[in-house]
Amino acid sequence: MDFVVLDTNVIVSALRSHRGASFAILRSIGREWVPLISVPLILEYEAVGKRQTELLKIPQATVEAIIRACCFFGRETDIHFRLRPFLPDPGDEFLLELAVAGRASAIESAGQPRVHRVPCQALQ
């Protein structure tokens, strides 16, 4: 199975629609891929996800279930270094660091208009 880092916008996209690629990615946790997780990433999933529950009028238990699945199937990865910033959004630097530390196959990010898979072979 591949190790993958999920950007928070994939979680948000999956909460908004059960028909899109982001939802399909979440449904395949533990079957086709293993999420790489860290404490900061799980905390971000929780904070952003719970804000979305208010906007989308869905139960917080939905977000909690997604977080539990990521924690159950995921591989916690410690980051013992910091990369020099080179991403357009400095807030996403920790995703790149997590991908490198965990030797991820890809970073999944939901951009407009579809989910993007960024291969990480060049980083390994």
C-alpha atoms as a PDB file:
ATOM      1  CA  MET A   1       0.000   0.000   0.000  1.00  0.00           C
ATOM      2  CA  ASP A   2       1.080   3.541  -0.695  1.00  0.00           C
ATOM      3  CA  PHE A   3       1.684   6.134   1.995  1.00  0.00           C
ATOM      4  CA  VAL A   4      -0.097   9.396   1.181  1.00  0.00           C
ATOM      5  CA  VAL A   5      -0.375  12.814   2.818  1.00  0.00           C
ATOM      6  CA  LEU A   6      -3.852  14.334   2.591  1.00  0.00           C
ATOM      7  CA  ASP A   7      -4.196  18.088   2.469  1.00  0.00           C
ATOM      8  CA  THR A   8      -7.035  19.389   4.639  1.00  0.00           C
ATOM      9  CA  ASN A   9      -8.883  20.649   1.579  1.00  0.00           C
ATOM     10  CA  VAL A  10      -9.495  17.002   0.589  1.00  0.00           C
ATOM     11  CA  ILE A  11     -11.371  16.492   3.870  1.00  0.00           C
ATOM     12  CA  VAL A  12     -13.374  19.685   3.299  1.00  0.00           C
ATOM     13  CA  SER A  13     -14.240  18.675  -0.277  1.00  0.00           C
ATOM     14  CA  ALA A  14     -15.375  15.245   0.919  1.00  0.00           C
ATOM     15  CA  LEU A  15     -17.622  16.861   3.543  1.00  0.00           C
ATOM     16  CA  ARG A  16     -19.214  19.044   0.859  1.00  0.00           C
ATOM     17  CA  SER A  17     -19.981  16.265  -1.637  1.00  0.00           C
ATOM     18  CA  HIS A  18     -20.212  12.482  -1.512  1.00  0.00           C
ATOM     19  CA  ARG A  19     -19.944  12.295  -5.293  1.00  0.00           C
ATOM     20  CA  GLY A  20     -16.467  13.695  -5.850  1.00  0.00           C
ATOM     21  CA  ALA A  21     -12.951  12.332  -5.957  1.00  0.00           C
ATOM     22  CA  SER A  22     -12.180  13.571  -2.441  1.00  0.00           C
ATOM     23  CA  PHE A  23     -14.932  11.421  -0.960  1.00  0.00           C
ATOM     24  CA  ALA A  24     -13.689   8.413  -2.948  1.00  0.00           C
ATOM     25  CA  ILE A  25     -10.204   8.991  -1.544  1.00  0.00           C
ATOM     26  CA  LEU A  26     -11.524   8.998   2.028  1.00  0.00           C
ATOM     27  CA  ARG A  27     -13.558   5.833   1.399  1.00  0.00           C
ATOM     28  CA  SER A  28     -10.392   4.002   0.363  1.00  0.00           C
ATOM     29  CA  ILE A  29      -8.443   4.725   3.587  1.00  0.00           C
ATOM     30  CA  GLY A  30      -6.783   1.515   4.741  1.00  0.00           C
ATOM     31  CA  ARG A  31      -7.678  -0.423   1.594  1.00  0.00           C
ATOM     32  CA  GLU A  32      -5.675   1.279  -1.127  1.00  0.00           C
ATOM     33  CA  TRP A  33      -3.469   3.676   0.811  1.00  0.00           C
ATOM     34  CA  VAL A  34      -2.255   4.558   4.287  1.00  0.00           C
ATOM     35  CA  PRO A  35      -2.437   8.173   5.435  1.00  0.00           C
ATOM     36  CA  LEU A  36       0.680   9.663   6.955  1.00  0.00           C
ATOM     37  CA  ILE A  37      -0.390  11.685   9.970  1.00  0.00           C
ATOM     38  CA  SER A  38       1.132  13.988  12.541  1.00  0.00           C
ATOM     39  CA  VAL A  39      -0.293  15.760  15.572  1.00  0.00           C
ATOM     40  CA  PRO A  40      -0.407  19.163  13.807  1.00  0.00           C
ATOM     41  CA  LEU A  41      -2.170  17.646  10.796  1.00  0.00           C
ATOM     42  CA  ILE A  42      -4.833  15.887  12.893  1.00  0.00           C
ATOM     43  CA  LEU A  43      -5.419  19.099  14.849  1.00  0.00           C
ATOM     44  CA  GLU A  44      -5.840  20.979  11.566  1.00  0.00           C
ATOM     45  CA  TYR A  45      -8.291  18.348  10.270  1.00  0.00           C
ATOM     46  CA  GLU A  46     -10.297  18.748  13.461  1.00  0.00           C
ATOM     47  CA  ALA A  47     -10.326  22.563  13.568  1.00  0.00           C
ATOM     48  CA  VAL A  48     -11.127  23.079   9.890  1.00  0.00           C
ATOM     49  CA  GLY A  49     -13.563  20.165   9.760  1.00  0.00           C
ATOM     50  CA  LYS A  50     -15.558  21.360  12.743  1.00  0.00           C
ATOM     51  CA  ARG A  51     -15.789  24.866  11.267  1.00  0.00           C
ATOM     52  CA  GLN A  52     -17.194  23.290   8.118  1.00  0.00           C
ATOM     53  CA  THR A  53     -19.858  21.376  10.064  1.00  0.00           C
ATOM     54  CA  GLU A  54     -21.399  24.682  11.084  1.00  0.00           C
ATOM     55  CA  LEU A  55     -21.354  26.020   7.514  1.00  0.00           C
ATOM     56  CA  LEU A  56     -22.616  22.804   5.937  1.00  0.00           C
ATOM     57  CA  LYS A  57     -25.039  21.946   8.752  1.00  0.00           C
ATOM     58  CA  ILE A  58     -23.714  18.412   9.186  1.00  0.00           C
ATOM     59  CA  PRO A  59     -23.063  16.635  12.509  1.00  0.00           C
ATOM     60  CA  GLN A  60     -19.637  17.023  14.119  1.00  0.00           C
ATOM     61  CA  ALA A  61     -19.663  13.243  14.496  1.00  0.00           C
ATOM     62  CA  THR A  62     -18.983  13.057  10.741  1.00  0.00           C
ATOM     63  CA  VAL A  63     -15.696  14.923  11.129  1.00  0.00           C
ATOM     64  CA  GLU A  64     -14.830  12.913  14.232  1.00  0.00           C
ATOM     65  CA  ALA A  65     -15.364   9.676  12.275  1.00  0.00           C
ATOM     66  CA  ILE A  66     -13.008  10.842   9.521  1.00  0.00           C
ATOM     67  CA  ILE A  67     -10.367  11.778  12.089  1.00  0.00           C
ATOM     68  CA  ARG A  68     -10.762   8.422  13.869  1.00  0.00           C
ATOM     69  CA  ALA A  69     -10.323   6.581  10.553  1.00  0.00           C
ATOM     70  CA  CYS A  70      -7.163   8.571   9.758  1.00  0.00           C
ATOM     71  CA  CYS A  71      -5.783   7.858  13.223  1.00  0.00           C
ATOM     72  CA  PHE A  72      -6.711   4.159  13.133  1.00  0.00           C
ATOM     73  CA  PHE A  73      -5.348   3.405   9.661  1.00  0.00           C
ATOM     74  CA  GLY A  74      -2.701   6.123   9.554  1.00  0.00           C
ATOM     75  CA  ARG A  75       0.977   5.941  10.330  1.00  0.00           C
ATOM     76  CA  GLU A  76       2.094   8.618  12.742  1.00  0.00           C
ATOM     77  CA  THR A  77       5.249  10.186  11.417  1.00  0.00           C
ATOM     78  CA  ASP A  78       7.606  12.345  13.438  1.00  0.00           C
ATOM     79  CA  ILE A  79       9.286  15.239  11.692  1.00  0.00           C
ATOM     80  CA  HIS A  80      12.795  15.899  12.997  1.00  0.00           C
ATOM     81  CA  PHE A  81      13.773  18.626  10.544  1.00  0.00           C
ATOM     82  CA  ARG A  82      12.438  21.690   8.751  1.00  0.00           C
ATOM     83  CA  LEU A  83      12.748  22.206   5.043  1.00  0.00           C
ATOM     84  CA  ARG A  84      13.488  25.611   3.623  1.00  0.00           C
ATOM     85  CA  PRO A  85      10.214  27.128   2.461  1.00  0.00           C
ATOM     86  CA  PHE A  86       9.502  26.826  -1.229  1.00  0.00           C
ATOM     87  CA  LEU A  87       5.754  26.288  -1.458  1.00  0.00           C
ATOM     88  CA  PRO A  88       3.443  29.135  -2.493  1.00  0.00           C
ATOM     89  CA  ASP A  89       1.506  28.681   0.759  1.00  0.00           C
ATOM     90  CA  PRO A  90       3.925  28.589   3.742  1.00  0.00           C
ATOM     91  CA  GLY A  91       1.106  27.057   5.793  1.00  0.00           C
ATOM     92  CA  ASP A  92       1.476  23.879   3.744  1.00  0.00           C
ATOM     93  CA  GLU A  93       5.201  23.422   4.435  1.00  0.00           C
ATOM     94  CA  PHE A  94       4.467  20.882   7.171  1.00  0.00           C
ATOM     95  CA  LEU A  95       2.649  18.693   4.618  1.00  0.00           C
ATOM     96  CA  LEU A  96       5.778  18.549   2.498  1.00  0.00           C
ATOM     97  CA  GLU A  97       7.917  17.834   5.562  1.00  0.00           C
ATOM     98  CA  LEU A  98       5.527  15.038   6.558  1.00  0.00           C
ATOM     99  CA  ALA A  99       5.644  13.567   3.048  1.00  0.00           C
ATOM    100  CA  VAL A 100       9.450  13.559   3.016  1.00  0.00           C
ATOM    101  CA  ALA A 101       9.772  12.161   6.561  1.00  0.00           C
ATOM    102  CA  GLY A 102       7.235   9.403   5.871  1.00  0.00           C
ATOM    103  CA  ARG A 103       8.492   8.644   2.356  1.00  0.00           C
ATOM    104  CA  ALA A 104       5.039   9.304   0.905  1.00  0.00           C
ATOM    105  CA  SER A 105       4.107   8.223  -2.585  1.00  0.00           C
ATOM    106  CA  ALA A 106       2.036  11.367  -3.046  1.00  0.00           C
ATOM    107  CA  ILE A 107       0.450  14.429  -1.525  1.00  0.00           C
ATOM    108  CA  GLU A 108      -3.267  14.573  -2.327  1.00  0.00           C
ATOM    109  CA  SER A 109      -4.733  18.061  -2.602  1.00  0.00           C
ATOM    110  CA  ALA A 110      -8.192  19.127  -3.763  1.00  0.00           C
ATOM    111  CA  GLY A 111      -7.804  22.145  -5.988  1.00  0.00           C
ATOM    112  CA  GLN A 112     -10.071  23.614  -8.579  1.00  0.00           C
ATOM    113  CA  PRO A 113     -11.581  21.769 -10.355  1.00  0.00           C
ATOM    114  CA  ARG A 114     -10.395  18.315  -9.186  1.00  0.00           C
ATOM    115  CA  VAL A 115      -8.134  16.400  -6.814  1.00  0.00           C
ATOM    116  CA  HIS A 116      -4.443  16.655  -7.581  1.00  0.00           C
ATOM    117  CA  ARG A 117      -1.929  13.934  -6.833  1.00  0.00           C
ATOM    118  CA  VAL A 118       1.606  15.198  -6.503  1.00  0.00           C
ATOM    119  CA  PRO A 119       4.077  12.299  -6.839  1.00  0.00           C
ATOM    120  CA  CYS A 120       6.894  12.384  -4.318  1.00  0.00           C
ATOM    121  CA  GLN A 121       9.429  10.063  -5.960  1.00  0.00           C
ATOM    122  CA  ALA A 122      11.785  12.964  -6.597  1.00  0.00           C
ATOM    123  CA  LEU A 123      11.871  13.721  -2.883  1.00  0.00           C
ATOM    124  CA  GLN A 124      12.835  10.229  -1.737  1.00  0.00           C
END
